[in-house]
Amino acid sequence: MSPRRAKAVRGRVGDDPATALREHLIDTAEGLLAERHAAALTTREIARAADLSDGVLYNYFADKNELVITALVRRYGRLVVRFDAELPQPGDATLEHNLLAYSRAALEMHLDGLPIVAGLLSDPELLRRFIDELHRNPYGPQLYQQRIIEYLHGEQRLGRLPAVDVEAATTLFTGATMMLALTSLMGMAGETGEELFGQLPGIVTILLNGINARS
């Protein structure tokens, strides 16, 4: 490994220099993407930030866009893992308490995930590649929706939830949290973070009242 490459990956754990350098490039791209849109990022900027020559990127990725998509998918994947962590199980606490926990987790994911997608809107081809990669990995929007569907079906089996259309209830639930995030990110809501999350109990109450009205 050249002195310049060694300097770039110095301090990384692992015996495989190629893997370490590839991860270093992904780390660098991810850091830059936190500050600017993907379409505006150049190969030279990534290389300079990584303290590498421009051509090194092409030893590990077909082009800049492949590196960018890899970094974005990894970033989005962290949001999905965070959403899935420590969610209530069927039978835990009350329905209202559990759905509020799910709604908070969903809103947090939307608030951090929508800017990733918004940054790709100016490049439809890059956006399509990103969405395709999400679906090839277990990170697509169907994952968190399925998690809520499974929870509601579990509550039905326990007799704590009436026989309603769980998929429709999930659409209403996720649509409400996504709309809150969207209006906030577009500057239409004007609330602070806590004020935004403060709307969730009312949403959950209305949803439960609608479900229970059919029982």
Protein backbone atom coordinates (compact mmCIF):
# COMPACT_ATOMS: atom_id res chain seq x y z
CA MET A 1 0.00 0.00 0.00
CA SER A 2 1.32 3.45 -0.87
CA PRO A 3 2.14 5.89 1.98
CA ARG A 4 -0.80 8.07 0.94
CA ARG A 5 -3.25 5.17 1.07
CA ALA A 6 -1.80 3.99 4.37
CA LYS A 7 -2.33 7.46 5.83
CA ALA A 8 -5.94 7.53 4.63
CA VAL A 9 -6.92 4.28 6.34
CA ARG A 10 -4.62 4.56 9.36
CA GLY A 11 -6.31 3.41 12.54
CA ARG A 12 -8.92 1.18 10.86
CA VAL A 13 -9.42 -2.27 12.34
CA GLY A 14 -8.86 -5.32 10.12
CA ASP A 15 -6.09 -7.14 8.30
CA ASP A 16 -7.42 -6.68 4.75
CA PRO A 17 -6.16 -3.34 3.33
CA ALA A 18 -8.52 -3.50 0.33
CA THR A 19 -11.58 -3.89 2.54
CA ALA A 20 -10.35 -1.15 4.87
CA LEU A 21 -9.83 1.24 1.96
CA ARG A 22 -13.24 0.48 0.47
CA GLU A 23 -14.89 1.13 3.85
CA HIS A 24 -12.89 4.33 4.17
CA LEU A 25 -14.30 5.55 0.86
CA ILE A 26 -17.85 4.70 1.96
CA ASP A 27 -17.31 6.46 5.29
CA THR A 28 -16.00 9.54 3.49
CA ALA A 29 -18.87 9.65 1.02
CA GLU A 30 -21.40 9.20 3.81
CA GLY A 31 -19.89 12.10 5.72
CA LEU A 32 -20.03 14.37 2.68
CA LEU A 33 -23.61 13.35 1.93
CA ALA A 34 -24.64 14.56 5.35
CA GLU A 35 -23.69 18.05 4.19
CA ARG A 36 -24.74 18.18 0.53
CA HIS A 37 -26.93 16.53 -2.11
CA ALA A 38 -25.70 13.40 -3.85
CA ALA A 39 -26.07 14.84 -7.36
CA ALA A 40 -23.74 17.73 -6.52
CA LEU A 41 -20.97 15.53 -5.13
CA THR A 42 -17.98 14.91 -7.41
CA THR A 43 -15.41 12.13 -7.57
CA ARG A 44 -12.62 14.63 -6.93
CA GLU A 45 -14.31 15.95 -3.78
CA ILE A 46 -14.67 12.44 -2.40
CA ALA A 47 -11.05 11.60 -3.22
CA ARG A 48 -9.74 14.78 -1.61
CA ALA A 49 -11.81 14.26 1.52
CA ALA A 50 -10.55 10.66 1.70
CA ASP A 51 -6.96 11.85 1.12
CA LEU A 52 -6.64 9.58 -1.92
CA SER A 53 -5.94 10.04 -5.61
CA ASP A 54 -8.99 10.35 -7.86
CA GLY A 55 -8.46 7.02 -9.60
CA VAL A 56 -8.47 4.92 -6.42
CA LEU A 57 -12.26 5.09 -6.25
CA TYR A 58 -12.52 3.10 -9.49
CA ASN A 59 -10.58 0.21 -7.98
CA TYR A 60 -13.54 -0.50 -5.70
CA PHE A 61 -16.61 0.99 -7.44
CA ALA A 62 -17.76 1.12 -11.04
CA ASP A 63 -18.32 4.86 -10.77
CA LYS A 64 -19.07 7.66 -8.33
CA ASN A 65 -22.77 6.83 -8.30
CA GLU A 66 -22.16 3.28 -7.14
CA LEU A 67 -20.17 4.60 -4.19
CA VAL A 68 -22.83 7.21 -3.43
CA ILE A 69 -25.64 4.63 -3.53
CA THR A 70 -23.65 2.27 -1.28
CA ALA A 71 -23.15 5.07 1.27
CA LEU A 72 -26.80 6.16 1.14
CA VAL A 73 -28.14 2.61 1.54
CA ARG A 74 -25.88 2.05 4.53
CA ARG A 75 -27.04 5.32 6.06
CA TYR A 76 -30.71 4.47 5.46
CA GLY A 77 -30.13 0.96 6.80
CA ARG A 78 -29.04 2.41 10.12
CA LEU A 79 -32.37 4.24 10.35
CA VAL A 80 -34.28 1.00 9.76
CA VAL A 81 -32.24 -0.81 12.40
CA ARG A 82 -32.93 2.02 14.84
CA PHE A 83 -36.66 1.86 14.07
CA ASP A 84 -36.74 -1.87 14.71
CA ALA A 85 -34.89 -1.67 18.02
CA GLU A 86 -36.84 -2.32 21.21
CA LEU A 87 -40.34 -1.99 19.74
CA PRO A 88 -43.16 -3.36 21.93
CA GLN A 89 -44.45 -6.86 21.31
CA PRO A 90 -48.13 -7.91 21.14
CA GLY A 91 -49.51 -8.08 24.67
CA ASP A 92 -47.03 -5.58 26.10
CA ALA A 93 -48.53 -2.65 28.04
CA THR A 94 -51.64 -1.17 26.35
CA LEU A 95 -52.52 -0.81 22.69
CA GLU A 96 -52.33 2.97 23.00
CA HIS A 97 -48.92 2.85 24.67
CA ASN A 98 -47.53 0.43 22.11
CA LEU A 99 -48.86 2.27 19.06
CA LEU A 100 -47.43 5.50 20.43
CA ALA A 101 -44.01 3.81 20.63
CA TYR A 102 -44.38 2.62 17.03
CA SER A 103 -45.46 6.08 15.90
CA ARG A 104 -42.50 7.79 17.58
CA ALA A 105 -40.10 5.32 15.95
CA ALA A 106 -41.76 5.81 12.55
CA LEU A 107 -41.66 9.60 12.81
CA GLU A 108 -38.00 9.56 13.78
CA MET A 109 -37.22 7.39 10.77
CA HIS A 110 -39.19 9.62 8.40
CA LEU A 111 -37.55 12.79 9.73
CA ASP A 112 -34.09 11.37 9.04
CA GLY A 113 -34.96 9.32 5.96
CA LEU A 114 -36.92 11.79 3.84
CA PRO A 115 -33.96 14.18 3.42
CA ILE A 116 -31.97 11.28 1.93
CA VAL A 117 -34.64 10.77 -0.73
CA ALA A 118 -35.12 14.52 -1.25
CA GLY A 119 -31.43 14.89 -2.03
CA LEU A 120 -31.88 12.55 -5.01
CA LEU A 121 -34.92 14.20 -6.59
CA SER A 122 -32.80 16.23 -9.00
CA ASP A 123 -31.30 13.02 -10.40
CA PRO A 124 -34.12 10.55 -11.26
CA GLU A 125 -31.69 7.83 -12.39
CA LEU A 126 -29.78 8.00 -9.12
CA LEU A 127 -33.07 7.93 -7.19
CA ARG A 128 -34.19 4.84 -9.10
CA ARG A 129 -30.91 3.07 -8.35
CA PHE A 130 -31.21 3.97 -4.68
CA ILE A 131 -34.76 2.60 -4.44
CA ASP A 132 -33.74 -0.56 -6.29
CA GLU A 133 -30.91 -1.12 -3.82
CA LEU A 134 -33.22 -0.57 -0.85
CA HIS A 135 -35.48 -3.32 -2.13
CA ARG A 136 -32.52 -5.64 -2.76
CA ASN A 137 -31.55 -5.12 0.86
CA PRO A 138 -33.93 -5.52 3.83
CA TYR A 139 -34.34 -1.75 4.10
CA GLY A 140 -37.31 -0.87 1.93
CA PRO A 141 -40.40 0.88 3.30
CA GLN A 142 -42.18 -2.47 3.27
CA LEU A 143 -40.01 -3.56 6.21
CA TYR A 144 -41.26 -1.09 8.79
CA GLN A 145 -44.82 -1.34 7.47
CA GLN A 146 -44.65 -5.13 7.79
CA ARG A 147 -43.36 -4.72 11.34
CA ILE A 148 -46.50 -2.74 12.27
CA ILE A 149 -48.77 -5.19 10.41
CA GLU A 150 -47.26 -8.11 12.32
CA TYR A 151 -47.75 -6.29 15.61
CA LEU A 152 -51.44 -5.55 14.89
CA HIS A 153 -52.10 -9.13 13.76
CA GLY A 154 -50.47 -10.31 16.99
CA GLU A 155 -52.83 -8.14 19.02
CA GLN A 156 -55.78 -9.57 17.07
CA ARG A 157 -54.71 -13.11 17.92
CA LEU A 158 -54.63 -12.10 21.58
CA GLY A 159 -58.14 -10.67 21.30
CA ARG A 160 -57.01 -7.16 22.20
CA LEU A 161 -57.81 -5.78 18.73
CA PRO A 162 -61.04 -6.34 16.78
CA ALA A 163 -61.15 -7.95 13.35
CA VAL A 164 -60.39 -4.91 11.19
CA ASP A 165 -58.39 -4.39 8.00
CA VAL A 166 -54.88 -4.32 9.47
CA GLU A 167 -53.22 -3.28 6.20
CA ALA A 168 -55.56 -0.28 5.88
CA ALA A 169 -54.95 0.70 9.51
CA THR A 170 -51.20 0.49 8.89
CA THR A 171 -51.50 2.74 5.82
CA LEU A 172 -53.36 5.36 7.86
CA PHE A 173 -50.84 5.06 10.68
CA THR A 174 -47.71 5.35 8.54
CA GLY A 175 -49.28 8.00 6.31
CA ALA A 176 -49.93 10.24 9.30
CA THR A 177 -46.37 9.99 10.60
CA MET A 178 -44.91 10.52 7.13
CA MET A 179 -47.08 13.61 6.58
CA LEU A 180 -45.93 15.09 9.88
CA ALA A 181 -42.30 14.58 8.84
CA LEU A 182 -42.88 15.95 5.35
CA THR A 183 -44.61 19.13 6.47
CA SER A 184 -41.91 19.70 9.08
CA LEU A 185 -39.08 19.25 6.60
CA MET A 186 -40.77 21.59 4.13
CA GLY A 187 -41.06 24.23 6.83
CA MET A 188 -44.85 24.09 6.80
CA ALA A 189 -45.40 22.93 10.37
CA GLY A 190 -43.24 25.33 12.35
CA GLU A 191 -43.20 23.16 15.46
CA THR A 192 -40.20 22.23 17.51
CA GLY A 193 -39.27 18.56 17.70
CA GLU A 194 -41.17 17.97 20.90
CA GLU A 195 -44.25 19.79 19.60
CA LEU A 196 -44.16 17.59 16.52
CA PHE A 197 -43.98 14.42 18.57
CA GLY A 198 -46.67 15.88 20.82
CA GLN A 199 -49.20 15.40 18.00
CA LEU A 200 -48.73 11.63 18.01
CA PRO A 201 -50.96 10.79 21.03
CA GLY A 202 -53.94 12.46 19.32
CA ILE A 203 -53.28 10.58 16.08
CA VAL A 204 -53.07 7.26 17.93
CA THR A 205 -56.26 8.00 19.89
CA ILE A 206 -58.23 8.84 16.73
CA LEU A 207 -56.96 5.69 15.00
CA LEU A 208 -57.92 3.49 17.95
CA ASN A 209 -61.32 5.12 18.25
CA GLY A 210 -61.94 4.37 14.58
CA ILE A 211 -60.85 0.75 14.98
CA ASN A 212 -62.87 0.18 18.14
CA ALA A 213 -65.98 1.74 16.61
CA ARG A 214 -66.26 -1.34 14.40
CA SER A 215 -66.00 -3.84 17.25
